[in-house]
């Protein structure tokens, strides 16, 4: 069990489908997004997807998932689905890629220093009695250890910015985000919530 083992991350499997471009589909010049997406051809093929399966961390390619991607393409861009002969194509013949997105319970990514969770729980035990308790001492940070993860489906947007956050923290420079946003992204938010919830009276069923 490493120092980040307590981070509350859950997997969401996503599978992409690759479809060969043709004369009709080659007219696509921009990404089309909705409940699914399709991208212009690159190296002779289009990328469509992606599936979204919570609590699944397998990365095998599944024909059924290719079919799901094609079915959603039919809703998104019917003319492209027809161009790919989507109703008759055999999903087992299609290429693709399956990967895993990691998300947090509140769907905000994590970015910040990692603390010793056991020491945190002892030092701030008063949060279990009063979640508004204020502390002036420094949290039990683990020296030199920072994390950014839990980006889910938005990593291409959030990861570069939060990489800058990690660099600023590591080099003791001004962070590129407001203090309230930094707090909302801090990994320690879950340690504090666990303590606050541990002191709540049982809720009626």
N, C-alpha and C. Protein backbone atom coordinates (compact mmCIF):
# COMPACT_ATOMS: atom_id res chain seq x y z
N UNK A 1 0.84 -1.19 0.00
CA UNK A 1 0.00 0.00 0.00
C UNK A 1 0.88 1.25 0.00
N UNK A 2 0.86 1.99 -1.08
CA UNK A 2 1.66 3.19 -1.16
C UNK A 2 0.95 4.39 -0.60
N UNK A 3 1.62 5.54 -0.58
CA UNK A 3 1.04 6.75 0.02
C UNK A 3 -0.16 7.31 -0.72
N UNK A 4 -0.37 6.89 -1.96
CA UNK A 4 -1.54 7.37 -2.71
C UNK A 4 -2.66 6.32 -2.77
N UNK A 5 -2.49 5.22 -2.04
CA UNK A 5 -3.48 4.13 -2.13
C UNK A 5 -4.85 4.55 -1.62
N UNK A 6 -4.90 5.54 -0.72
CA UNK A 6 -6.18 5.95 -0.15
C UNK A 6 -6.96 6.91 -1.05
N UNK A 7 -6.36 7.36 -2.14
CA UNK A 7 -7.08 8.28 -3.03
C UNK A 7 -8.29 7.57 -3.62
N UNK A 8 -9.47 8.16 -3.53
CA UNK A 8 -10.71 7.47 -3.94
C UNK A 8 -10.95 7.56 -5.44
N UNK A 9 -10.22 6.76 -6.18
CA UNK A 9 -10.36 6.78 -7.64
C UNK A 9 -11.15 5.57 -8.11
N UNK A 10 -11.94 5.76 -9.16
CA UNK A 10 -12.67 4.63 -9.75
C UNK A 10 -12.45 4.63 -11.25
N UNK A 11 -12.42 3.43 -11.86
CA UNK A 11 -12.13 3.34 -13.30
C UNK A 11 -13.40 3.47 -14.14
N UNK A 12 -13.22 4.04 -15.33
CA UNK A 12 -14.28 4.07 -16.34
C UNK A 12 -13.65 3.66 -17.66
N UNK A 13 -14.03 2.50 -18.14
CA UNK A 13 -13.48 1.97 -19.39
C UNK A 13 -14.04 2.75 -20.58
N UNK A 14 -13.20 2.97 -21.58
CA UNK A 14 -13.65 3.59 -22.82
C UNK A 14 -13.01 2.91 -24.01
N UNK A 15 -13.82 2.55 -25.00
CA UNK A 15 -13.30 1.92 -26.21
C UNK A 15 -13.56 2.81 -27.42
N UNK A 16 -12.53 3.01 -28.22
CA UNK A 16 -12.61 3.73 -29.49
C UNK A 16 -12.74 2.72 -30.62
N UNK A 17 -13.35 3.15 -31.71
CA UNK A 17 -13.49 2.32 -32.90
C UNK A 17 -12.83 3.02 -34.08
N UNK A 18 -12.01 2.30 -34.83
CA UNK A 18 -11.38 2.83 -36.03
C UNK A 18 -12.12 2.32 -37.26
N UNK A 19 -12.45 3.23 -38.16
CA UNK A 19 -13.17 2.88 -39.39
C UNK A 19 -12.41 3.46 -40.57
N UNK A 20 -12.18 2.65 -41.60
CA UNK A 20 -11.46 3.12 -42.78
C UNK A 20 -12.22 4.24 -43.47
N UNK A 21 -11.48 5.25 -43.88
CA UNK A 21 -12.08 6.37 -44.61
C UNK A 21 -12.44 5.94 -46.03
N UNK A 22 -13.40 6.65 -46.61
CA UNK A 22 -13.76 6.43 -48.00
C UNK A 22 -14.04 7.79 -48.64
N UNK A 23 -14.43 7.80 -49.89
CA UNK A 23 -14.62 9.06 -50.61
C UNK A 23 -15.66 9.93 -49.94
N UNK A 24 -16.74 9.33 -49.45
CA UNK A 24 -17.81 10.11 -48.81
C UNK A 24 -17.37 10.63 -47.45
N UNK A 25 -16.76 9.78 -46.64
CA UNK A 25 -16.38 10.21 -45.29
C UNK A 25 -15.22 11.19 -45.31
N UNK A 26 -14.43 11.18 -46.38
CA UNK A 26 -13.29 12.08 -46.48
C UNK A 26 -13.67 13.54 -46.52
N UNK A 27 -14.97 13.82 -46.73
CA UNK A 27 -15.42 15.22 -46.75
C UNK A 27 -15.48 15.82 -45.35
N UNK A 28 -15.41 14.99 -44.31
CA UNK A 28 -15.45 15.50 -42.93
C UNK A 28 -14.17 16.26 -42.64
N UNK A 29 -14.31 17.50 -42.18
CA UNK A 29 -13.15 18.36 -41.95
C UNK A 29 -13.01 18.81 -40.49
N UNK A 30 -13.93 18.41 -39.64
CA UNK A 30 -13.86 18.82 -38.24
C UNK A 30 -14.43 17.72 -37.36
N UNK A 31 -14.04 17.73 -36.10
CA UNK A 31 -14.59 16.77 -35.15
C UNK A 31 -16.05 17.12 -34.88
N UNK A 32 -16.90 16.12 -34.86
CA UNK A 32 -18.31 16.30 -34.52
C UNK A 32 -18.55 15.61 -33.17
N UNK A 33 -19.05 16.37 -32.19
CA UNK A 33 -19.24 15.84 -30.83
C UNK A 33 -20.70 15.97 -30.40
N UNK A 34 -21.16 15.01 -29.65
CA UNK A 34 -22.47 15.03 -29.01
C UNK A 34 -22.41 14.00 -27.90
N UNK A 35 -23.34 13.05 -27.92
CA UNK A 35 -23.25 11.92 -26.98
C UNK A 35 -22.08 11.02 -27.35
N UNK A 36 -21.61 11.13 -28.57
CA UNK A 36 -20.41 10.43 -29.03
C UNK A 36 -19.64 11.42 -29.91
N UNK A 37 -18.63 10.95 -30.60
CA UNK A 37 -17.88 11.84 -31.50
C UNK A 37 -17.30 11.06 -32.66
N UNK A 38 -16.98 11.78 -33.70
CA UNK A 38 -16.27 11.21 -34.84
C UNK A 38 -15.26 12.26 -35.30
N UNK A 39 -14.06 11.80 -35.63
CA UNK A 39 -12.99 12.71 -36.03
C UNK A 39 -12.69 12.55 -37.52
N UNK A 40 -12.20 13.63 -38.16
CA UNK A 40 -11.78 13.52 -39.57
C UNK A 40 -10.73 12.42 -39.74
N UNK A 41 -10.65 11.92 -40.94
CA UNK A 41 -9.71 10.82 -41.20
C UNK A 41 -8.28 11.26 -40.99
N UNK A 42 -7.50 10.38 -40.39
CA UNK A 42 -6.06 10.58 -40.26
C UNK A 42 -5.40 9.25 -40.56
N UNK A 43 -4.40 9.28 -41.43
CA UNK A 43 -3.73 8.05 -41.86
C UNK A 43 -4.75 7.06 -42.42
N UNK A 44 -5.78 7.61 -43.08
CA UNK A 44 -6.72 6.75 -43.78
C UNK A 44 -7.83 6.14 -42.95
N UNK A 45 -8.01 6.61 -41.71
CA UNK A 45 -9.10 6.04 -40.91
C UNK A 45 -9.67 7.09 -39.97
N UNK A 46 -10.94 6.90 -39.62
CA UNK A 46 -11.64 7.75 -38.68
C UNK A 46 -11.64 7.10 -37.31
N UNK A 47 -11.72 7.93 -36.28
CA UNK A 47 -11.85 7.46 -34.90
C UNK A 47 -13.23 7.86 -34.41
N UNK A 48 -14.00 6.89 -33.93
CA UNK A 48 -15.31 7.18 -33.37
C UNK A 48 -15.40 6.57 -31.98
N UNK A 49 -16.22 7.15 -31.16
CA UNK A 49 -16.36 6.62 -29.80
C UNK A 49 -16.98 7.67 -28.90
N UNK A 50 -16.75 7.50 -27.66
CA UNK A 50 -16.16 6.33 -27.04
C UNK A 50 -17.14 5.79 -26.01
N UNK A 51 -17.01 4.50 -25.71
CA UNK A 51 -17.88 3.93 -24.69
C UNK A 51 -17.53 4.48 -23.32
N UNK A 52 -18.41 4.28 -22.34
CA UNK A 52 -18.24 4.85 -21.00
C UNK A 52 -18.82 3.86 -20.01
N UNK A 53 -17.95 2.99 -19.50
CA UNK A 53 -18.39 1.90 -18.62
C UNK A 53 -17.75 2.02 -17.25
N UNK A 54 -18.54 2.43 -16.27
CA UNK A 54 -18.07 2.66 -14.91
C UNK A 54 -17.70 1.33 -14.25
N UNK A 55 -16.63 1.38 -13.45
CA UNK A 55 -16.14 0.23 -12.66
C UNK A 55 -15.63 -0.92 -13.53
N UNK A 56 -15.23 -0.61 -14.75
CA UNK A 56 -14.65 -1.61 -15.65
C UNK A 56 -13.25 -1.15 -16.01
N UNK A 57 -12.25 -1.95 -15.64
CA UNK A 57 -10.87 -1.55 -15.90
C UNK A 57 -10.16 -2.48 -16.89
N UNK A 58 -10.93 -3.23 -17.67
CA UNK A 58 -10.34 -4.11 -18.67
C UNK A 58 -10.05 -3.33 -19.95
N UNK A 59 -9.03 -3.75 -20.68
CA UNK A 59 -8.64 -3.03 -21.90
C UNK A 59 -8.67 -3.94 -23.14
N UNK A 60 -9.45 -5.01 -23.07
CA UNK A 60 -9.62 -5.86 -24.25
C UNK A 60 -10.56 -5.19 -25.24
N UNK A 61 -10.38 -5.46 -26.53
CA UNK A 61 -11.29 -4.93 -27.55
C UNK A 61 -12.52 -5.82 -27.64
N UNK A 62 -13.71 -5.19 -27.68
CA UNK A 62 -14.96 -5.92 -27.66
C UNK A 62 -15.81 -5.55 -28.87
N UNK A 63 -16.18 -6.53 -29.70
CA UNK A 63 -17.06 -6.24 -30.84
C UNK A 63 -18.36 -5.55 -30.43
N UNK A 64 -18.91 -5.94 -29.30
CA UNK A 64 -20.16 -5.30 -28.86
C UNK A 64 -19.97 -3.80 -28.63
N UNK A 65 -18.78 -3.41 -28.16
CA UNK A 65 -18.52 -1.99 -27.94
C UNK A 65 -18.35 -1.25 -29.27
N UNK A 66 -17.75 -1.94 -30.25
CA UNK A 66 -17.70 -1.34 -31.59
C UNK A 66 -19.12 -1.10 -32.11
N UNK A 67 -20.00 -2.06 -31.89
CA UNK A 67 -21.38 -1.90 -32.34
C UNK A 67 -22.05 -0.74 -31.63
N UNK A 68 -21.80 -0.59 -30.34
CA UNK A 68 -22.37 0.54 -29.60
C UNK A 68 -21.89 1.87 -30.17
N UNK A 69 -20.60 1.94 -30.52
CA UNK A 69 -20.07 3.17 -31.11
C UNK A 69 -20.71 3.46 -32.46
N UNK A 70 -20.90 2.43 -33.27
CA UNK A 70 -21.54 2.62 -34.57
C UNK A 70 -23.00 3.05 -34.41
N UNK A 71 -23.68 2.46 -33.44
CA UNK A 71 -25.09 2.82 -33.22
C UNK A 71 -25.21 4.28 -32.78
N UNK A 72 -24.29 4.74 -31.96
CA UNK A 72 -24.35 6.14 -31.52
C UNK A 72 -23.95 7.08 -32.65
N UNK A 73 -23.06 6.61 -33.53
CA UNK A 73 -22.73 7.42 -34.71
C UNK A 73 -23.97 7.60 -35.58
N UNK A 74 -24.81 6.57 -35.66
CA UNK A 74 -26.03 6.67 -36.47
C UNK A 74 -26.94 7.77 -35.94
N UNK A 75 -26.92 7.99 -34.63
CA UNK A 75 -27.71 9.06 -34.04
C UNK A 75 -27.05 10.42 -34.23
N UNK A 76 -25.72 10.44 -34.18
CA UNK A 76 -24.98 11.69 -34.25
C UNK A 76 -24.90 12.24 -35.68
N UNK A 77 -24.44 11.39 -36.60
CA UNK A 77 -24.27 11.81 -38.00
C UNK A 77 -24.76 10.66 -38.90
N UNK A 78 -26.04 10.58 -39.14
CA UNK A 78 -26.57 9.46 -39.93
C UNK A 78 -25.91 9.28 -41.29
N UNK A 79 -25.54 10.39 -41.94
CA UNK A 79 -24.95 10.27 -43.27
C UNK A 79 -23.58 9.60 -43.21
N UNK A 80 -22.83 9.84 -42.14
CA UNK A 80 -21.53 9.15 -42.00
C UNK A 80 -21.73 7.68 -41.67
N UNK A 81 -22.69 7.39 -40.82
CA UNK A 81 -23.00 5.99 -40.51
C UNK A 81 -23.33 5.23 -41.79
N UNK A 82 -24.10 5.86 -42.66
CA UNK A 82 -24.43 5.22 -43.93
C UNK A 82 -23.19 5.08 -44.82
N UNK A 83 -22.32 6.09 -44.79
CA UNK A 83 -21.10 6.04 -45.60
C UNK A 83 -20.20 4.88 -45.18
N UNK A 84 -20.21 4.56 -43.88
CA UNK A 84 -19.42 3.44 -43.38
C UNK A 84 -20.15 2.10 -43.52
N UNK A 85 -21.38 2.14 -44.08
CA UNK A 85 -22.20 0.93 -44.17
C UNK A 85 -22.37 0.31 -42.78
N UNK A 86 -22.67 1.21 -41.82
CA UNK A 86 -22.65 0.82 -40.41
C UNK A 86 -23.61 -0.27 -40.02
N UNK A 87 -24.72 -0.43 -40.74
CA UNK A 87 -25.68 -1.47 -40.38
C UNK A 87 -25.19 -2.86 -40.75
N UNK A 88 -24.28 -2.93 -41.73
CA UNK A 88 -23.86 -4.25 -42.21
C UNK A 88 -22.42 -4.61 -41.88
N UNK A 89 -21.63 -3.65 -41.45
CA UNK A 89 -20.23 -3.94 -41.15
C UNK A 89 -20.14 -4.91 -39.97
N UNK A 90 -19.19 -5.82 -40.03
CA UNK A 90 -18.96 -6.79 -38.95
C UNK A 90 -18.07 -6.14 -37.89
N UNK A 91 -18.59 -5.88 -36.67
CA UNK A 91 -17.78 -5.22 -35.64
C UNK A 91 -16.49 -5.96 -35.32
N UNK A 92 -16.51 -7.28 -35.50
CA UNK A 92 -15.32 -8.07 -35.17
C UNK A 92 -14.15 -7.77 -36.10
N UNK A 93 -14.43 -7.14 -37.24
CA UNK A 93 -13.35 -6.83 -38.19
C UNK A 93 -12.75 -5.45 -37.97
N UNK A 94 -13.30 -4.69 -37.03
CA UNK A 94 -12.86 -3.31 -36.83
C UNK A 94 -11.72 -3.23 -35.82
N UNK A 95 -10.85 -2.26 -36.04
CA UNK A 95 -9.79 -1.99 -35.09
C UNK A 95 -10.24 -0.97 -34.06
N UNK A 96 -9.40 -0.73 -33.08
CA UNK A 96 -9.74 0.24 -32.06
C UNK A 96 -8.76 0.22 -30.91
N UNK A 97 -9.13 0.84 -29.84
CA UNK A 97 -8.30 0.86 -28.63
C UNK A 97 -9.21 1.03 -27.43
N UNK A 98 -8.88 0.31 -26.37
CA UNK A 98 -9.61 0.46 -25.11
C UNK A 98 -8.64 0.93 -24.04
N UNK A 99 -9.07 1.90 -23.26
CA UNK A 99 -8.26 2.45 -22.18
C UNK A 99 -9.16 2.71 -20.97
N UNK A 100 -8.52 3.16 -19.89
CA UNK A 100 -9.27 3.39 -18.66
C UNK A 100 -9.09 4.84 -18.23
N UNK A 101 -10.20 5.51 -17.98
CA UNK A 101 -10.18 6.85 -17.39
C UNK A 101 -10.34 6.67 -15.88
N UNK A 102 -9.70 7.50 -15.10
CA UNK A 102 -9.86 7.45 -13.65
C UNK A 102 -10.54 8.73 -13.19
N UNK A 103 -11.54 8.58 -12.35
CA UNK A 103 -12.31 9.72 -11.86
C UNK A 103 -12.42 9.66 -10.35
N UNK A 104 -12.75 10.80 -9.75
CA UNK A 104 -12.96 10.90 -8.31
C UNK A 104 -14.46 10.89 -8.01
N UNK A 105 -14.85 10.70 -6.75
CA UNK A 105 -16.27 10.70 -6.41
C UNK A 105 -17.00 11.99 -6.76
N UNK A 106 -16.30 13.14 -6.71
CA UNK A 106 -16.96 14.40 -7.05
C UNK A 106 -16.66 14.85 -8.49
N UNK A 107 -15.98 14.00 -9.24
CA UNK A 107 -15.67 14.23 -10.65
C UNK A 107 -14.79 15.45 -10.90
N UNK A 108 -14.17 15.99 -9.85
CA UNK A 108 -13.14 17.00 -10.01
C UNK A 108 -11.78 16.29 -9.97
N UNK A 109 -10.83 16.70 -10.79
CA UNK A 109 -9.53 16.05 -10.73
C UNK A 109 -8.79 16.37 -9.45
N UNK A 110 -7.73 15.63 -9.22
CA UNK A 110 -6.84 15.86 -8.08
C UNK A 110 -5.59 16.57 -8.56
N UNK A 111 -5.15 17.55 -7.82
CA UNK A 111 -3.89 18.23 -8.14
C UNK A 111 -3.35 18.85 -6.86
N UNK A 112 -2.21 18.37 -6.42
CA UNK A 112 -1.62 18.96 -5.23
C UNK A 112 -0.67 18.02 -4.51
N UNK A 113 -0.25 18.47 -3.35
CA UNK A 113 0.67 17.69 -2.53
C UNK A 113 -0.07 16.53 -1.87
N UNK A 114 0.65 15.46 -1.63
CA UNK A 114 0.09 14.27 -0.98
C UNK A 114 0.48 14.29 0.49
N UNK A 115 -0.49 14.00 1.36
CA UNK A 115 -0.19 13.98 2.79
C UNK A 115 -0.20 12.55 3.31
N UNK A 116 0.29 12.38 4.53
CA UNK A 116 0.23 11.10 5.22
C UNK A 116 -1.18 10.98 5.80
N UNK A 117 -2.01 10.13 5.22
CA UNK A 117 -3.42 10.05 5.62
C UNK A 117 -3.61 9.63 7.07
N UNK A 118 -2.76 8.74 7.57
CA UNK A 118 -2.89 8.29 8.95
C UNK A 118 -2.59 9.43 9.92
N UNK A 119 -1.52 10.17 9.65
CA UNK A 119 -1.18 11.31 10.50
C UNK A 119 -2.25 12.39 10.38
N UNK A 120 -2.76 12.62 9.20
CA UNK A 120 -3.82 13.60 8.97
C UNK A 120 -5.03 13.27 9.85
N UNK A 121 -5.43 12.00 9.86
CA UNK A 121 -6.60 11.59 10.63
C UNK A 121 -6.41 11.83 12.12
N UNK A 122 -5.19 11.59 12.63
CA UNK A 122 -4.93 11.82 14.06
C UNK A 122 -4.86 13.31 14.38
N UNK A 123 -4.15 14.05 13.54
CA UNK A 123 -3.91 15.45 13.82
C UNK A 123 -5.19 16.29 13.74
N UNK A 124 -6.07 15.91 12.83
CA UNK A 124 -7.27 16.71 12.61
C UNK A 124 -8.54 15.97 13.02
N UNK A 125 -8.42 15.14 14.04
CA UNK A 125 -9.56 14.35 14.50
C UNK A 125 -10.74 15.23 14.92
N UNK A 126 -10.46 16.49 15.30
CA UNK A 126 -11.54 17.39 15.73
C UNK A 126 -12.54 17.65 14.62
N UNK A 127 -12.19 17.40 13.37
CA UNK A 127 -13.13 17.58 12.27
C UNK A 127 -14.33 16.65 12.38
N UNK A 128 -14.13 15.52 13.07
CA UNK A 128 -15.24 14.58 13.25
C UNK A 128 -16.30 15.16 14.18
N UNK A 129 -15.90 16.09 15.05
CA UNK A 129 -16.87 16.73 15.95
C UNK A 129 -17.42 18.01 15.37
N UNK A 130 -16.56 18.74 14.63
CA UNK A 130 -16.99 20.01 14.05
C UNK A 130 -16.23 20.21 12.75
N UNK A 131 -16.94 20.05 11.63
CA UNK A 131 -16.30 20.12 10.31
C UNK A 131 -15.80 21.51 9.97
N UNK A 132 -16.17 22.51 10.77
CA UNK A 132 -15.71 23.88 10.50
C UNK A 132 -14.49 24.25 11.33
N UNK A 133 -13.94 23.30 12.08
CA UNK A 133 -12.76 23.57 12.91
C UNK A 133 -11.61 24.11 12.05
N UNK A 134 -10.97 25.17 12.53
CA UNK A 134 -9.84 25.77 11.81
C UNK A 134 -8.53 25.35 12.47
N UNK A 135 -7.54 25.03 11.65
CA UNK A 135 -6.22 24.63 12.15
C UNK A 135 -5.16 25.56 11.55
N UNK A 136 -4.19 25.89 12.36
CA UNK A 136 -3.11 26.77 11.90
C UNK A 136 -1.83 26.02 11.55
N UNK A 137 -1.74 24.76 11.98
CA UNK A 137 -0.50 24.03 11.72
C UNK A 137 -0.46 23.51 10.28
N UNK A 138 0.73 23.16 9.83
CA UNK A 138 0.93 22.68 8.47
C UNK A 138 0.51 21.22 8.37
N UNK A 139 -0.18 20.89 7.31
CA UNK A 139 -0.61 19.50 7.09
C UNK A 139 0.60 18.58 6.96
N UNK A 140 0.42 17.30 7.25
CA UNK A 140 1.55 16.35 7.19
C UNK A 140 1.88 15.93 5.76
N UNK A 141 2.41 16.89 4.99
CA UNK A 141 2.76 16.61 3.61
C UNK A 141 3.90 15.59 3.53
N UNK A 142 3.89 14.76 2.51
CA UNK A 142 5.00 13.85 2.25
C UNK A 142 5.99 14.59 1.35
N UNK A 143 7.22 14.77 1.79
CA UNK A 143 8.17 15.63 1.07
C UNK A 143 8.34 15.24 -0.40
N UNK A 144 8.16 16.23 -1.26
CA UNK A 144 8.43 16.04 -2.68
C UNK A 144 7.42 15.20 -3.44
N UNK A 145 6.30 14.85 -2.80
CA UNK A 145 5.32 13.98 -3.48
C UNK A 145 4.07 14.78 -3.86
N UNK A 146 3.80 14.85 -5.17
CA UNK A 146 2.64 15.55 -5.69
C UNK A 146 1.89 14.62 -6.64
N UNK A 147 0.62 14.88 -6.83
CA UNK A 147 -0.16 14.02 -7.71
C UNK A 147 -1.15 14.87 -8.51
N UNK A 148 -1.35 14.47 -9.74
CA UNK A 148 -2.49 14.97 -10.50
C UNK A 148 -3.07 13.79 -11.26
N UNK A 149 -4.33 13.50 -11.01
CA UNK A 149 -5.02 12.35 -11.61
C UNK A 149 -6.52 12.59 -11.50
N UNK A 150 -7.30 11.61 -11.89
CA UNK A 150 -8.75 11.75 -11.80
C UNK A 150 -9.33 12.69 -12.84
N UNK A 151 -8.67 12.81 -13.99
CA UNK A 151 -9.12 13.75 -15.01
C UNK A 151 -10.31 13.23 -15.82
N UNK A 152 -10.59 11.94 -15.72
CA UNK A 152 -11.74 11.39 -16.43
C UNK A 152 -11.66 11.61 -17.92
N UNK A 153 -12.77 12.08 -18.49
CA UNK A 153 -12.84 12.27 -19.94
C UNK A 153 -12.34 13.64 -20.39
N UNK A 154 -11.86 14.45 -19.46
CA UNK A 154 -11.49 15.82 -19.79
C UNK A 154 -9.98 16.08 -19.67
N UNK A 155 -9.20 15.02 -19.65
CA UNK A 155 -7.78 15.17 -19.41
C UNK A 155 -7.03 16.03 -20.41
N UNK A 156 -7.44 16.01 -21.68
CA UNK A 156 -6.75 16.83 -22.67
C UNK A 156 -6.89 18.32 -22.36
N UNK A 157 -7.96 18.67 -21.63
CA UNK A 157 -8.18 20.06 -21.26
C UNK A 157 -7.54 20.38 -19.91
N UNK A 158 -7.73 19.49 -18.93
CA UNK A 158 -7.32 19.80 -17.56
C UNK A 158 -5.87 19.44 -17.24
N UNK A 159 -5.34 18.39 -17.84
CA UNK A 159 -4.01 17.93 -17.45
C UNK A 159 -2.91 18.96 -17.69
N UNK A 160 -2.87 19.67 -18.82
CA UNK A 160 -1.79 20.66 -19.00
C UNK A 160 -1.82 21.76 -17.93
N UNK A 161 -3.02 22.25 -17.61
CA UNK A 161 -3.12 23.31 -16.59
C UNK A 161 -2.71 22.78 -15.23
N UNK A 162 -3.16 21.57 -14.89
CA UNK A 162 -2.84 21.06 -13.56
C UNK A 162 -1.38 20.59 -13.48
N UNK A 163 -0.78 20.31 -14.62
CA UNK A 163 0.67 20.10 -14.62
C UNK A 163 1.40 21.37 -14.21
N UNK A 164 0.88 22.52 -14.65
CA UNK A 164 1.45 23.81 -14.23
C UNK A 164 1.24 24.02 -12.73
N UNK A 165 0.12 23.57 -12.21
CA UNK A 165 -0.13 23.66 -10.76
C UNK A 165 0.92 22.87 -10.00
N UNK A 166 1.18 21.64 -10.43
CA UNK A 166 2.17 20.80 -9.75
C UNK A 166 3.55 21.45 -9.82
N UNK A 167 3.92 21.98 -10.97
CA UNK A 167 5.22 22.64 -11.10
C UNK A 167 5.33 23.83 -10.16
N UNK A 168 4.26 24.60 -10.04
CA UNK A 168 4.28 25.77 -9.15
C UNK A 168 4.45 25.35 -7.70
N UNK A 169 3.75 24.30 -7.30
CA UNK A 169 3.87 23.82 -5.92
C UNK A 169 5.27 23.27 -5.66
N UNK A 170 5.78 22.51 -6.61
CA UNK A 170 7.09 21.87 -6.41
C UNK A 170 8.21 22.90 -6.31
N UNK A 171 8.07 24.03 -7.02
CA UNK A 171 9.12 25.04 -7.03
C UNK A 171 8.76 26.28 -6.21
N UNK A 172 7.70 26.13 -5.41
CA UNK A 172 7.28 27.21 -4.50
C UNK A 172 7.07 28.52 -5.25
N UNK A 173 6.34 28.41 -6.35
CA UNK A 173 6.01 29.58 -7.16
C UNK A 173 4.51 29.86 -7.06
N UNK A 174 4.06 31.05 -7.45
CA UNK A 174 2.61 31.34 -7.40
C UNK A 174 1.83 30.37 -8.30
N UNK A 175 0.75 29.85 -7.76
CA UNK A 175 -0.06 28.90 -8.52
C UNK A 175 -0.88 29.64 -9.58
N UNK A 176 -1.18 28.97 -10.70
CA UNK A 176 -1.92 29.63 -11.77
C UNK A 176 -3.43 29.63 -11.57
N UNK A 177 -3.90 29.20 -10.41
CA UNK A 177 -5.33 29.14 -10.13
C UNK A 177 -5.64 29.84 -8.82
N UNK A 178 -6.87 30.35 -8.65
CA UNK A 178 -7.26 30.98 -7.39
C UNK A 178 -7.21 29.99 -6.23
N UNK A 179 -7.09 30.54 -5.03
CA UNK A 179 -6.96 29.71 -3.83
C UNK A 179 -8.15 28.79 -3.65
N UNK A 180 -9.38 29.29 -3.90
CA UNK A 180 -10.55 28.45 -3.69
C UNK A 180 -10.58 27.27 -4.67
N UNK A 181 -10.08 27.48 -5.89
CA UNK A 181 -10.01 26.39 -6.86
C UNK A 181 -8.94 25.39 -6.44
N UNK A 182 -7.81 25.88 -5.97
CA UNK A 182 -6.76 24.98 -5.48
C UNK A 182 -7.26 24.10 -4.36
N UNK A 183 -8.05 24.67 -3.45
CA UNK A 183 -8.60 23.88 -2.36
C UNK A 183 -9.58 22.82 -2.87
N UNK A 184 -10.36 23.20 -3.87
CA UNK A 184 -11.34 22.27 -4.43
C UNK A 184 -10.67 21.08 -5.11
N UNK A 185 -9.43 21.29 -5.59
CA UNK A 185 -8.71 20.24 -6.30
C UNK A 185 -7.75 19.45 -5.40
N UNK A 186 -7.53 19.93 -4.19
CA UNK A 186 -6.51 19.33 -3.31
C UNK A 186 -6.84 17.88 -2.96
N UNK A 187 -5.88 16.98 -3.04
CA UNK A 187 -6.12 15.59 -2.65
C UNK A 187 -6.60 15.45 -1.21
N UNK A 188 -6.18 16.36 -0.32
CA UNK A 188 -6.56 16.26 1.10
C UNK A 188 -8.04 16.51 1.32
N UNK A 189 -8.78 16.97 0.31
CA UNK A 189 -10.21 17.23 0.53
C UNK A 189 -10.94 15.96 0.92
N UNK A 190 -10.48 14.82 0.43
CA UNK A 190 -11.15 13.56 0.76
C UNK A 190 -10.80 13.07 2.16
N UNK A 191 -9.57 13.35 2.61
CA UNK A 191 -9.21 13.04 4.00
C UNK A 191 -10.09 13.84 4.95
N UNK A 192 -10.27 15.13 4.65
CA UNK A 192 -11.09 15.97 5.52
C UNK A 192 -12.55 15.52 5.50
N UNK A 193 -13.06 15.14 4.35
CA UNK A 193 -14.46 14.71 4.26
C UNK A 193 -14.68 13.40 5.02
N UNK A 194 -13.70 12.50 4.95
CA UNK A 194 -13.85 11.24 5.69
C UNK A 194 -13.97 11.51 7.18
N UNK A 195 -13.15 12.42 7.68
CA UNK A 195 -13.22 12.75 9.10
C UNK A 195 -14.54 13.42 9.44
N UNK A 196 -14.97 14.38 8.63
CA UNK A 196 -16.21 15.09 8.91
C UNK A 196 -17.40 14.14 8.92
N UNK A 197 -17.42 13.21 8.01
CA UNK A 197 -18.55 12.27 7.91
C UNK A 197 -18.53 11.24 9.02
N UNK A 198 -17.34 10.95 9.54
CA UNK A 198 -17.25 9.94 10.60
C UNK A 198 -17.95 10.40 11.88
N UNK A 199 -18.12 11.72 12.03
CA UNK A 199 -18.75 12.22 13.24
C UNK A 199 -20.24 12.50 13.10
N UNK A 200 -20.80 12.24 11.92
CA UNK A 200 -22.21 12.50 11.72
C UNK A 200 -23.07 11.43 12.40
N UNK A 201 -24.19 11.83 12.97
CA UNK A 201 -25.09 10.83 13.55
C UNK A 201 -25.71 10.00 12.45
N UNK A 202 -26.08 8.75 12.74
CA UNK A 202 -26.69 7.91 11.72
C UNK A 202 -27.96 8.57 11.16
N UNK A 203 -28.17 8.45 9.87
CA UNK A 203 -29.34 9.00 9.22
C UNK A 203 -30.49 8.00 9.28
N UNK A 204 -31.74 8.48 9.50
CA UNK A 204 -32.87 7.54 9.52
C UNK A 204 -33.04 6.85 8.19
N UNK A 205 -33.39 5.59 8.22
CA UNK A 205 -33.55 4.82 6.99
C UNK A 205 -34.92 5.05 6.39
